[in-house]
Protein backbone atom coordinates (compact mmCIF):
# COMPACT_ATOMS: atom_id res chain seq x y z
CA MET A 1 3.02 -43.30 116.13
CA GLY A 2 2.42 -40.78 118.92
CA PRO A 3 -0.90 -39.35 120.11
CA GLY A 4 -2.79 -37.62 117.33
CA GLU A 5 -0.34 -38.28 114.51
CA GLY A 6 -1.83 -38.82 111.08
CA ARG A 7 -1.66 -37.14 107.72
CA LEU A 8 -0.72 -33.87 109.41
CA ASP A 9 3.06 -33.48 109.38
CA VAL A 10 3.35 -31.38 112.51
CA ALA A 11 7.11 -30.87 112.14
CA ARG A 12 6.56 -29.34 108.71
CA VAL A 13 3.60 -27.32 109.98
CA ARG A 14 5.56 -25.89 112.90
CA GLY A 15 8.22 -24.71 110.49
CA LEU A 16 5.62 -22.44 108.90
CA PHE A 17 5.17 -20.36 112.09
CA PRO A 18 7.89 -17.82 112.95
CA GLY A 19 6.15 -17.07 116.26
CA LEU A 20 7.03 -20.50 117.60
CA SER A 21 10.68 -19.42 117.80
CA ASP A 22 9.94 -17.83 121.20
CA GLY A 23 10.15 -21.27 122.80
CA LEU A 24 6.86 -20.92 124.69
CA VAL A 25 3.99 -23.39 124.74
CA HIS A 26 1.14 -21.61 122.98
CA ALA A 27 -2.11 -22.91 124.43
CA GLU A 28 -3.98 -19.62 123.95
CA GLY A 29 -5.32 -20.47 120.48
CA PRO A 30 -9.04 -19.90 121.25
CA ALA A 31 -8.33 -16.19 121.71
CA GLY A 32 -6.22 -15.90 118.57
CA ALA A 33 -3.93 -18.23 116.65
CA LEU A 34 -0.33 -17.66 115.65
CA LEU A 35 0.37 -16.45 112.11
CA PRO A 36 2.21 -18.56 109.53
CA GLU A 37 4.92 -16.90 107.49
CA ALA A 38 2.76 -17.07 104.34
CA VAL A 39 0.18 -14.79 105.95
CA VAL A 40 2.82 -12.38 107.22
CA HIS A 41 4.38 -12.31 103.75
CA ALA A 42 1.03 -11.71 102.02
CA VAL A 43 0.26 -8.75 104.28
CA ALA A 44 3.74 -7.29 103.81
CA GLN A 45 3.61 -7.72 100.04
CA ALA A 46 0.27 -5.92 99.86
CA MET A 47 1.85 -3.00 101.71
CA ARG A 48 4.85 -2.82 99.36
CA VAL A 49 2.82 -1.86 96.30
CA PRO A 50 0.38 1.03 95.80
CA VAL A 51 -3.16 0.13 96.88
CA ALA A 52 -5.81 2.82 96.82
CA GLY A 53 -9.54 2.85 97.52
CA ARG A 54 -12.11 1.11 95.37
CA GLY A 55 -13.77 2.56 92.31
CA GLY A 56 -10.83 4.20 90.58
CA VAL A 57 -9.67 3.64 87.00
CA PHE A 58 -5.97 3.31 87.87
CA PRO A 59 -3.89 0.25 88.88
CA ALA A 60 -3.74 0.92 92.63
CA SER A 61 -7.53 0.91 92.80
CA ALA A 62 -7.74 -2.24 90.70
CA ARG A 63 -5.42 -3.93 93.20
CA ALA A 64 -7.82 -3.01 95.98
CA GLU A 65 -10.70 -4.60 94.11
CA GLY A 66 -8.64 -7.72 93.55
CA LEU A 67 -7.69 -8.05 97.22
CA LEU A 68 -11.31 -7.63 98.28
CA ALA A 69 -12.58 -10.17 95.75
CA SER A 70 -9.90 -12.70 96.75
CA ALA A 71 -10.78 -12.39 100.43
CA ARG A 72 -14.49 -12.87 99.76
CA THR A 73 -13.83 -15.93 97.61
CA ALA A 74 -11.49 -17.45 100.19
CA VAL A 75 -14.01 -17.08 103.02
CA ALA A 76 -16.74 -18.52 100.81
CA ASP A 77 -14.54 -21.54 100.08
CA LEU A 78 -13.87 -21.98 103.79
CA VAL A 79 -17.53 -22.18 104.84
CA GLY A 80 -19.31 -23.43 101.73
CA GLY A 81 -20.93 -20.10 100.86
CA VAL A 82 -20.82 -17.79 97.85
CA SER A 83 -18.53 -14.79 97.58
CA SER A 84 -21.40 -12.36 96.94
CA GLY A 85 -22.78 -13.29 100.36
CA VAL A 86 -19.57 -12.55 102.30
CA VAL A 87 -19.72 -9.42 104.45
CA LEU A 88 -16.30 -8.37 105.75
CA GLY A 89 -15.41 -6.31 108.80
CA PRO A 90 -12.80 -5.77 111.51
CA ASP A 91 -14.16 -8.34 113.99
CA SER A 92 -17.15 -10.63 114.45
CA SER A 93 -18.54 -8.63 117.38
CA ARG A 94 -18.94 -5.47 115.33
CA LEU A 95 -20.25 -7.36 112.32
CA THR A 96 -22.85 -9.08 114.49
CA TRP A 97 -23.96 -5.70 115.81
CA THR A 98 -24.30 -4.48 112.20
CA LEU A 99 -26.43 -7.45 111.19
CA ALA A 100 -28.40 -7.34 114.45
CA ARG A 101 -29.36 -3.69 113.96
CA ALA A 102 -30.49 -4.43 110.41
CA LEU A 103 -32.54 -7.43 111.52
CA ALA A 104 -34.04 -5.55 114.47
CA ARG A 105 -35.64 -3.14 112.04
CA THR A 106 -37.88 -6.01 110.95
CA TRP A 107 -38.94 -6.88 114.52
CA ARG A 108 -42.13 -5.76 116.23
CA PRO A 109 -43.07 -5.57 119.92
CA GLY A 110 -44.01 -9.04 121.10
CA ASP A 111 -41.70 -10.82 118.67
CA GLU A 112 -39.20 -13.24 120.18
CA VAL A 113 -35.52 -14.16 119.89
CA VAL A 114 -33.72 -17.15 121.39
CA VAL A 115 -30.14 -16.93 122.65
CA SER A 116 -28.04 -19.46 124.56
CA ARG A 117 -26.03 -19.49 127.79
CA LEU A 118 -23.28 -21.36 125.93
CA ASP A 119 -22.43 -18.52 123.57
CA HIS A 120 -19.64 -15.98 123.53
CA ASP A 121 -21.06 -12.62 124.55
CA ALA A 122 -20.64 -11.37 120.97
CA ASN A 123 -23.57 -13.62 119.97
CA VAL A 124 -25.64 -12.70 123.03
CA ARG A 125 -25.38 -9.02 123.88
CA PRO A 126 -26.37 -7.54 120.49
CA TRP A 127 -29.59 -9.57 120.41
CA VAL A 128 -30.45 -8.98 124.07
CA GLU A 129 -29.87 -5.23 123.97
CA LEU A 130 -31.68 -4.68 120.68
CA ALA A 131 -34.58 -6.81 121.87
CA ALA A 132 -34.88 -4.66 124.99
CA GLY A 133 -35.04 -1.52 122.85
CA THR A 134 -37.73 -2.86 120.54
CA GLY A 135 -40.06 -4.66 122.95
CA VAL A 136 -38.93 -8.09 121.77
CA VAL A 137 -39.00 -11.01 124.21
CA VAL A 138 -35.74 -12.91 124.86
CA HIS A 139 -35.80 -16.64 125.63
CA TRP A 140 -32.72 -18.47 126.91
CA ALA A 141 -31.52 -21.92 125.92
CA GLU A 142 -29.85 -23.36 129.00
CA VAL A 143 -26.67 -25.38 129.35
CA ASP A 144 -26.61 -28.66 131.24
CA ILE A 145 -24.46 -27.59 134.19
CA GLU A 146 -22.92 -31.05 134.66
CA THR A 147 -21.98 -31.83 131.08
CA GLY A 148 -21.74 -28.41 129.43
CA GLU A 149 -24.06 -29.57 126.67
CA LEU A 150 -26.72 -27.43 125.01
CA PRO A 151 -29.63 -29.88 124.52
CA ASP A 152 -31.44 -29.28 121.23
CA TRP A 153 -34.76 -30.70 122.52
CA GLN A 154 -35.30 -27.65 124.70
CA TYR A 155 -35.85 -25.52 121.61
CA ASP A 156 -39.23 -27.23 121.17
CA GLN A 157 -40.37 -25.25 124.21
CA LEU A 158 -38.50 -22.06 123.38
CA LEU A 159 -39.72 -21.55 119.81
CA GLY A 160 -43.09 -20.17 118.85
CA PRO A 161 -44.96 -18.49 116.00
CA ARG A 162 -43.42 -15.11 116.85
CA THR A 163 -39.81 -16.29 117.08
CA ARG A 164 -37.81 -14.21 114.65
CA LEU A 165 -34.25 -15.32 115.32
CA VAL A 166 -32.23 -18.05 117.03
CA ALA A 167 -28.59 -17.23 117.87
CA VAL A 168 -26.34 -20.18 118.69
CA THR A 169 -22.66 -21.06 118.63
CA ALA A 170 -21.12 -23.81 116.54
CA ALA A 171 -18.63 -24.39 119.37
CA SER A 172 -17.95 -22.79 122.74
CA SER A 173 -14.60 -21.04 122.80
CA ALA A 174 -14.62 -21.44 126.61
CA ILE A 175 -15.30 -25.14 127.14
CA GLY A 176 -15.28 -26.54 123.60
CA THR A 177 -18.87 -27.88 123.52
CA ARG A 178 -20.18 -28.39 119.99
CA PRO A 179 -23.99 -28.34 120.05
CA ASP A 180 -26.09 -29.96 117.34
CA VAL A 181 -26.57 -26.77 115.36
CA ALA A 182 -28.27 -28.53 112.45
CA ALA A 183 -30.94 -29.98 114.77
CA ILE A 184 -31.50 -26.56 116.36
CA ALA A 185 -31.70 -24.93 112.93
CA ARG A 186 -34.29 -27.43 111.72
CA ARG A 187 -36.50 -26.60 114.68
CA ALA A 188 -35.98 -22.86 114.18
CA HIS A 189 -36.80 -22.96 110.47
CA ALA A 190 -39.93 -25.02 111.14
CA ALA A 191 -41.07 -22.15 113.38
CA GLY A 192 -40.25 -19.58 110.69
CA ALA A 193 -37.18 -18.17 112.46
CA LEU A 194 -33.78 -17.21 111.09
CA VAL A 195 -30.62 -18.80 112.51
CA TYR A 196 -27.47 -16.81 113.30
CA VAL A 197 -24.49 -19.09 114.00
CA ASP A 198 -21.25 -18.00 115.63
CA GLY A 199 -18.60 -20.13 113.92
CA THR A 200 -15.57 -18.13 115.03
CA HIS A 201 -14.14 -20.83 117.27
CA ALA A 202 -15.36 -23.91 115.40
CA ALA A 203 -13.86 -22.90 112.03
CA ALA A 204 -10.30 -23.42 113.29
CA HIS A 205 -10.90 -27.09 114.05
CA ASP A 206 -13.31 -28.51 111.50
CA LEU A 207 -14.63 -27.65 108.06
CA LEU A 208 -17.88 -25.73 108.38
CA ASP A 209 -20.58 -26.02 105.75
CA LEU A 210 -23.26 -23.34 105.64
CA PRO A 211 -26.03 -25.53 104.16
CA THR A 212 -25.31 -28.49 106.44
CA LEU A 213 -25.39 -26.31 109.54
CA GLY A 214 -28.66 -24.77 108.44
CA ALA A 215 -27.26 -21.32 109.22
CA ASP A 216 -28.88 -18.29 107.64
CA PHE A 217 -25.94 -16.22 108.89
CA LEU A 218 -22.53 -17.63 109.80
CA ALA A 219 -19.91 -15.48 111.54
CA VAL A 220 -16.21 -16.36 111.34
CA ALA A 221 -12.98 -14.54 112.24
CA ALA A 222 -9.66 -15.06 110.47
CA ASP A 223 -7.54 -14.46 113.57
CA MET A 224 -8.99 -17.68 115.00
CA TRP A 225 -7.59 -19.71 112.07
CA CYS A 226 -4.14 -18.22 111.60
CA GLY A 227 -5.16 -15.05 109.80
CA PRO A 228 -5.19 -11.33 110.54
CA HIS A 229 -7.87 -9.47 112.48
CA VAL A 230 -10.61 -9.57 109.86
CA ALA A 231 -14.02 -11.18 110.29
CA ALA A 232 -16.87 -12.14 108.01
CA VAL A 233 -20.55 -12.93 108.16
CA VAL A 234 -21.67 -15.22 105.34
CA ALA A 235 -25.29 -15.45 104.20
CA ASP A 236 -27.42 -15.96 101.11
CA PRO A 237 -27.14 -12.76 99.03
CA GLY A 238 -30.91 -12.76 98.58
CA LEU A 239 -31.43 -12.69 102.33
CA LEU A 240 -28.92 -9.88 102.73
CA ALA A 241 -30.76 -7.91 100.05
CA GLU A 242 -33.87 -7.89 102.26
CA LEU A 243 -32.06 -6.04 105.06
CA GLU A 244 -31.31 -2.32 105.40
CA PRO A 245 -28.20 -1.70 107.50
CA ASP A 246 -26.88 1.61 108.76
CA ARG A 247 -24.46 2.96 106.16
CA LEU A 248 -22.80 6.06 104.83
CA ALA A 249 -24.59 7.66 101.88
CA PRO A 250 -21.78 7.06 99.34
CA VAL A 251 -21.56 3.36 100.17
CA PRO A 252 -22.99 1.29 97.29
CA ASP A 253 -26.46 -0.07 97.94
CA ARG A 254 -25.58 -3.47 96.50
CA VAL A 255 -24.97 -6.64 98.52
CA PRO A 256 -22.65 -7.23 100.31
CA ASP A 257 -21.13 -3.73 100.09
CA ARG A 258 -24.05 -2.05 101.84
CA PHE A 259 -23.04 -3.74 105.13
CA GLU A 260 -19.44 -2.50 104.95
CA SER A 261 -19.48 1.20 105.77
CA GLY A 262 -15.98 2.52 106.29
CA GLY A 263 -12.66 1.75 104.64
CA TYR A 264 -10.98 -1.61 104.17
CA ALA A 265 -7.65 -2.75 105.57
CA PHE A 266 -6.66 -4.09 102.16
CA GLU A 267 -3.34 -5.48 103.34
CA LEU A 268 -5.19 -7.57 105.93
CA LEU A 269 -7.56 -8.84 103.25
CA ALA A 270 -4.48 -10.27 101.52
CA GLY A 271 -3.77 -12.09 104.77
CA VAL A 272 -7.28 -13.56 104.87
CA ALA A 273 -6.83 -15.25 101.51
CA ALA A 274 -3.37 -16.48 102.54
CA ALA A 275 -4.75 -17.92 105.79
CA VAL A 276 -7.37 -19.95 103.94
CA GLU A 277 -4.65 -21.21 101.61
CA HIS A 278 -2.60 -22.15 104.67
CA LEU A 279 -5.46 -24.28 105.97
CA ALA A 280 -6.01 -25.85 102.56
CA ALA A 281 -2.35 -26.90 102.36
CA LEU A 282 -2.07 -28.56 105.79
CA ASP A 283 -2.60 -31.93 104.11
CA ASP A 284 0.20 -31.44 101.61
CA VAL A 285 -0.88 -34.31 99.35
CA ALA A 286 -4.50 -33.15 98.96
CA THR A 287 -5.58 -32.15 95.45
CA GLY A 288 -8.60 -30.65 93.73
CA THR A 289 -10.41 -27.38 94.29
CA ARG A 290 -9.59 -25.27 97.31
CA ARG A 291 -12.79 -26.45 98.98
CA GLU A 292 -11.75 -30.06 98.37
CA ARG A 293 -8.27 -29.41 99.71
CA LEU A 294 -9.79 -27.71 102.75
CA ARG A 295 -11.97 -30.76 103.37
CA ALA A 296 -8.94 -33.06 103.37
CA SER A 297 -6.75 -30.73 105.40
CA MET A 298 -9.36 -29.98 108.06
CA ALA A 299 -10.10 -33.69 108.42
CA ALA A 300 -6.39 -34.20 109.08
CA VAL A 301 -6.42 -31.32 111.57
CA ALA A 302 -9.45 -32.71 113.40
CA ALA A 303 -7.90 -36.19 113.68
CA TYR A 304 -4.57 -34.83 114.89
CA GLU A 305 -6.07 -32.43 117.43
CA HIS A 306 -8.48 -35.08 118.69
CA GLY A 307 -5.62 -37.34 119.66
CA LEU A 308 -3.68 -34.61 121.42
CA PHE A 309 -6.69 -33.25 123.22
CA GLY A 310 -7.91 -36.64 124.39
CA TRP A 311 -4.63 -37.09 126.24
CA LEU A 312 -4.75 -33.60 127.78
CA ASP A 313 -8.40 -33.87 128.78
CA GLN A 314 -8.09 -37.30 130.39
CA ALA A 315 -4.91 -36.37 132.24
CA LEU A 316 -6.40 -33.22 133.77
CA ARG A 317 -9.61 -34.99 134.76
CA ALA A 318 -7.55 -37.60 136.62
CA MET A 319 -5.99 -34.93 138.86
CA ARG A 320 -7.74 -34.62 142.23
CA HIS A 321 -6.88 -30.91 142.62
CA VAL A 322 -8.25 -29.99 139.15
CA GLN A 323 -11.86 -29.51 138.09
CA VAL A 324 -12.45 -29.53 134.33
CA ILE A 325 -15.68 -27.76 133.37
CA GLY A 326 -18.17 -29.85 131.40
CA SER A 327 -17.92 -33.22 129.71
CA ALA A 328 -19.79 -32.87 126.41
CA PRO A 329 -19.23 -35.74 123.94
CA ARG A 330 -18.50 -33.41 121.02
CA THR A 331 -15.91 -30.69 121.62
CA THR A 332 -13.12 -28.74 120.04
CA PRO A 333 -9.62 -29.23 121.55
CA THR A 334 -10.42 -26.60 124.18
CA LEU A 335 -11.12 -26.86 127.88
CA SER A 336 -11.44 -24.68 130.96
CA PHE A 337 -10.54 -25.76 134.47
CA THR A 338 -10.03 -24.58 138.02
CA VAL A 339 -7.44 -25.63 140.59
CA GLU A 340 -8.37 -26.24 144.19
CA GLY A 341 -7.12 -23.48 146.48
CA MET A 342 -5.96 -21.20 143.63
CA ARG A 343 -7.69 -18.42 141.76
CA PRO A 344 -7.53 -18.65 137.95
CA ARG A 345 -5.21 -15.66 137.68
CA GLN A 346 -2.76 -17.35 140.08
CA VAL A 347 -2.85 -20.48 137.94
CA ALA A 348 -2.25 -18.49 134.75
CA HIS A 349 0.70 -16.73 136.39
CA GLU A 350 2.21 -20.04 137.46
CA LEU A 351 1.77 -21.51 134.00
CA SER A 352 3.28 -18.40 132.42
CA ARG A 353 6.26 -18.71 134.77
CA ARG A 354 6.75 -22.18 133.29
CA GLY A 355 6.58 -20.85 129.72
CA ILE A 356 2.93 -21.72 129.03
CA CYS A 357 0.53 -19.18 127.49
CA ALA A 358 -2.98 -19.67 128.88
CA TRP A 359 -5.95 -17.35 129.31
CA ASP A 360 -7.98 -16.90 132.47
CA GLY A 361 -11.13 -15.04 133.48
CA ASP A 362 -14.67 -15.23 132.16
CA LEU A 363 -13.35 -15.84 128.60
CA TYR A 364 -16.32 -13.82 127.25
CA ALA A 365 -18.53 -16.70 128.36
CA ARG A 366 -20.18 -14.45 130.93
CA GLU A 367 -23.59 -16.12 130.86
CA LEU A 368 -22.13 -19.62 131.07
CA PHE A 369 -19.78 -18.85 133.93
CA ASP A 370 -22.49 -16.93 135.79
CA ALA A 371 -24.72 -20.01 135.55
CA LEU A 372 -21.87 -22.18 136.85
CA GLY A 373 -21.00 -19.75 139.64
CA ALA A 374 -17.45 -19.64 138.27
CA ASN A 375 -17.32 -15.85 137.95
CA GLU A 376 -17.52 -15.53 141.71
CA GLU A 377 -14.08 -17.16 141.85
CA GLY A 378 -12.57 -15.25 138.93
CA GLY A 379 -13.72 -17.51 136.11
CA ALA A 380 -11.48 -20.34 134.94
CA VAL A 381 -8.23 -21.14 133.14
CA GLN A 382 -8.43 -22.01 129.47
CA LEU A 383 -6.20 -24.30 127.42
CA GLY A 384 -6.76 -24.60 123.68
CA LEU A 385 -4.75 -26.63 121.20
CA MET A 386 -4.12 -25.83 117.55
CA HIS A 387 -2.66 -27.78 114.66
CA TYR A 388 0.84 -26.49 115.50
CA ASN A 389 0.87 -27.93 119.03
CA THR A 390 2.76 -31.15 119.73
CA ALA A 391 2.57 -34.23 121.93
CA GLU A 392 5.70 -33.03 123.71
CA GLU A 393 3.93 -29.76 124.57
CA VAL A 394 0.87 -31.61 125.84
CA GLY A 395 3.09 -33.69 128.10
CA TYR A 396 4.68 -30.52 129.43
CA LEU A 397 1.22 -28.98 130.00
CA VAL A 398 0.09 -32.05 131.93
CA ASP A 399 3.18 -32.01 134.14
CA ALA A 400 2.85 -28.27 134.77
CA VAL A 401 -0.78 -28.51 135.88
CA ALA A 402 -0.01 -31.57 138.01
CA ALA A 403 2.64 -29.55 139.83
CA LEU A 404 0.28 -26.68 140.70
CA ARG A 405 -0.35 -26.27 144.39
CA PRO A 406 -1.67 -23.27 146.33
CA ARG A 407 1.03 -21.22 148.01
């Protein structure tokens, strides 16, 4: 049995992805996963039949309602929420802005929000900019520079009676760190604050559960877990009903519709439901409800990816010319590194020349890389594994990085 093998039949899984026929090593998963054929087919099928807007009394409009309802239910199954609390949109950044503007209407000068240096800028900038415009004080949770961890104990000093919101990631898409969100949420709720969790990266690698996380709002994005470019924010419908978002006058005032001004890409909604089904079927012997099948499949994914990533991580850390950022005990199969004597863009070019797809730059972790001083050197190179990567590919990655030398 090779590294990471378990109940996940990676040969079968790879056969589901037409994009793998290009022969490249796809290690760019944290910025967007490949699409399985089932998702491509679902999107294409939705475009082959008439689909109109919502609210009509004819079949094409009924299809639109069905596609929307299926997408909401699928996302709810994925994160342990309810479909009536699923707000859909084109990407998590824009959805977070929508929710942030609605929440900011409840803030008063002197109120406080807490953001973290670990987060993707999509879960930082909306809160920081809206706080500045409303006289709200921003407090920063800091990252341990050596380990890349986000210690939860620091929130005891950051929270106060006027804290209105804590924004935190479930996993860093740059360095993989998985903070103890539940511990942070318990502290936030004890202070009377709401908790907004960015789960976009974490959802591809483990089964998220809204109640267990303690999230009042949980953002996810289907393109991170083998779906189309559609995102969702999931919350308790009662909490959403307390907020007044910006919206067009004809948009229904009910939840969650009131947060979804503008039209829907109905064909992409078909892809969202298909992507969740893809995840639920990765353990092909799992049975039960979709949530139960997701639990089994994502456990298989986590075990498989853990084995692969452990090999990659240890191998890169053993290289004298490579510096891997952070060493948190709980991570996703994602890391960022630098190479002595080479800028990250040079490294990415060299890897691409060898048929490896890898991102470089600040990876939208602007605050983190500023704190590390990495942005002065062009950021870092990112490698992220998915459930369709193989031990053979990891071996090739290791050899390719080992061969890197400044020209």
